[in-house]
Amino acid sequence: MKEQKKVVVSVPKPLLDKADAMAQSQNQSRSELIRRAVAFYLTHMQKQQLAAGYQEMSDLNLKLAEESVTSDNDSLSLYEQKIGGV
């Protein structure tokens, strides 16, 4: 079994009441509900961070691709000029 630590967290009563009701309806303990909620939140935040990173990289990749196309077109024009003059 994984090592577990006890923590003390302050939670507004209405939120705790909702959590307790959810735990009871799912036949699980309050601790299990909170463990699952924290795990879900951390996974969700990690996915958001990855999505933001992918978006940032896509912007950079688009810029690099556009620069590459411009460079390729310039090179092609120069090549065509050289072989056209032959």
Protein backbone atom coordinates (compact mmCIF):
# COMPACT_ATOMS: atom_id res chain seq x y z
CA MET A 1 0.00 0.00 0.00
CA LYS A 2 1.23 3.50 -0.79
CA GLU A 3 2.28 5.70 2.07
CA GLN A 4 -0.48 8.07 3.08
CA LYS A 5 -0.28 11.31 5.04
CA LYS A 6 -3.03 12.99 6.98
CA VAL A 7 -3.73 16.62 6.22
CA VAL A 8 -5.97 19.22 7.78
CA VAL A 9 -7.87 21.37 5.31
CA SER A 10 -10.39 24.12 6.00
CA VAL A 11 -13.47 23.79 3.81
CA PRO A 12 -16.61 25.94 3.85
CA LYS A 13 -19.49 24.02 5.42
CA PRO A 14 -21.73 24.13 2.31
CA LEU A 15 -18.91 22.60 0.24
CA LEU A 16 -18.25 19.94 2.87
CA ASP A 17 -21.97 19.13 3.01
CA LYS A 18 -22.03 18.63 -0.76
CA ALA A 19 -18.88 16.50 -0.62
CA ASP A 20 -20.32 14.35 2.15
CA ALA A 21 -23.59 13.89 0.25
CA MET A 22 -21.67 12.91 -2.89
CA ALA A 23 -19.46 10.50 -0.95
CA GLN A 24 -22.49 8.87 0.62
CA SER A 25 -24.28 8.56 -2.72
CA GLN A 26 -21.18 6.90 -4.18
CA ASN A 27 -20.75 4.60 -1.18
CA GLN A 28 -17.28 5.92 -0.43
CA SER A 29 -15.61 7.73 2.41
CA ARG A 30 -15.07 11.46 2.51
CA SER A 31 -11.32 10.79 2.29
CA GLU A 32 -11.74 8.69 -0.84
CA LEU A 33 -13.91 11.36 -2.47
CA ILE A 34 -11.35 14.05 -1.67
CA ARG A 35 -8.45 11.88 -2.92
CA ARG A 36 -10.28 11.31 -6.18
CA ALA A 37 -11.22 14.98 -6.49
CA VAL A 38 -7.61 16.10 -5.97
CA ALA A 39 -6.33 13.51 -8.45
CA PHE A 40 -8.95 14.60 -11.00
CA TYR A 41 -8.07 18.28 -10.51
CA LEU A 42 -4.34 17.65 -10.90
CA THR A 43 -4.89 15.63 -14.08
CA HIS A 44 -7.17 18.35 -15.45
CA MET A 45 -4.60 21.09 -14.72
CA GLN A 46 -1.80 19.04 -16.30
CA LYS A 47 -3.89 18.60 -19.45
CA GLN A 48 -4.56 22.35 -19.56
CA GLN A 49 -0.85 23.08 -19.23
CA LEU A 50 -0.02 20.61 -22.00
CA ALA A 51 -2.69 22.11 -24.25
CA ALA A 52 -1.29 25.60 -23.66
CA GLY A 53 2.21 24.34 -24.48
CA TYR A 54 0.99 22.65 -27.65
CA GLN A 55 -0.77 25.85 -28.70
CA GLU A 56 2.35 27.88 -28.05
CA MET A 57 4.45 25.44 -30.07
CA SER A 58 1.92 25.39 -32.92
CA ASP A 59 2.23 29.17 -33.24
CA LEU A 60 6.02 28.85 -33.37
CA ASN A 61 5.86 25.96 -35.85
CA LEU A 62 3.55 27.95 -38.14
CA LYS A 63 5.94 30.91 -38.08
CA LEU A 64 8.92 28.66 -38.86
CA ALA A 65 7.03 26.94 -41.68
CA GLU A 66 6.08 30.28 -43.22
CA GLU A 67 9.69 31.45 -43.05
CA SER A 68 10.83 28.18 -44.61
CA VAL A 69 8.37 28.51 -47.50
CA THR A 70 9.57 32.05 -48.16
CA SER A 71 13.19 30.88 -48.11
CA ASP A 72 12.39 27.92 -50.38
CA ASN A 73 10.59 30.19 -52.83
CA ASP A 74 13.56 32.57 -52.90
CA SER A 75 15.93 29.64 -53.51
CA LEU A 76 13.69 28.27 -56.26
CA SER A 77 13.56 31.66 -57.96
CA LEU A 78 17.34 31.97 -57.85
CA TYR A 79 17.72 28.41 -59.21
CA GLU A 80 15.27 29.09 -62.05
CA GLN A 81 17.13 32.29 -62.91
CA LYS A 82 20.42 30.40 -63.08
CA ILE A 83 19.13 27.53 -65.23
CA GLY A 84 17.12 29.91 -67.39
CA GLY A 85 20.27 31.81 -68.25
CA VAL A 86 22.02 28.65 -69.44
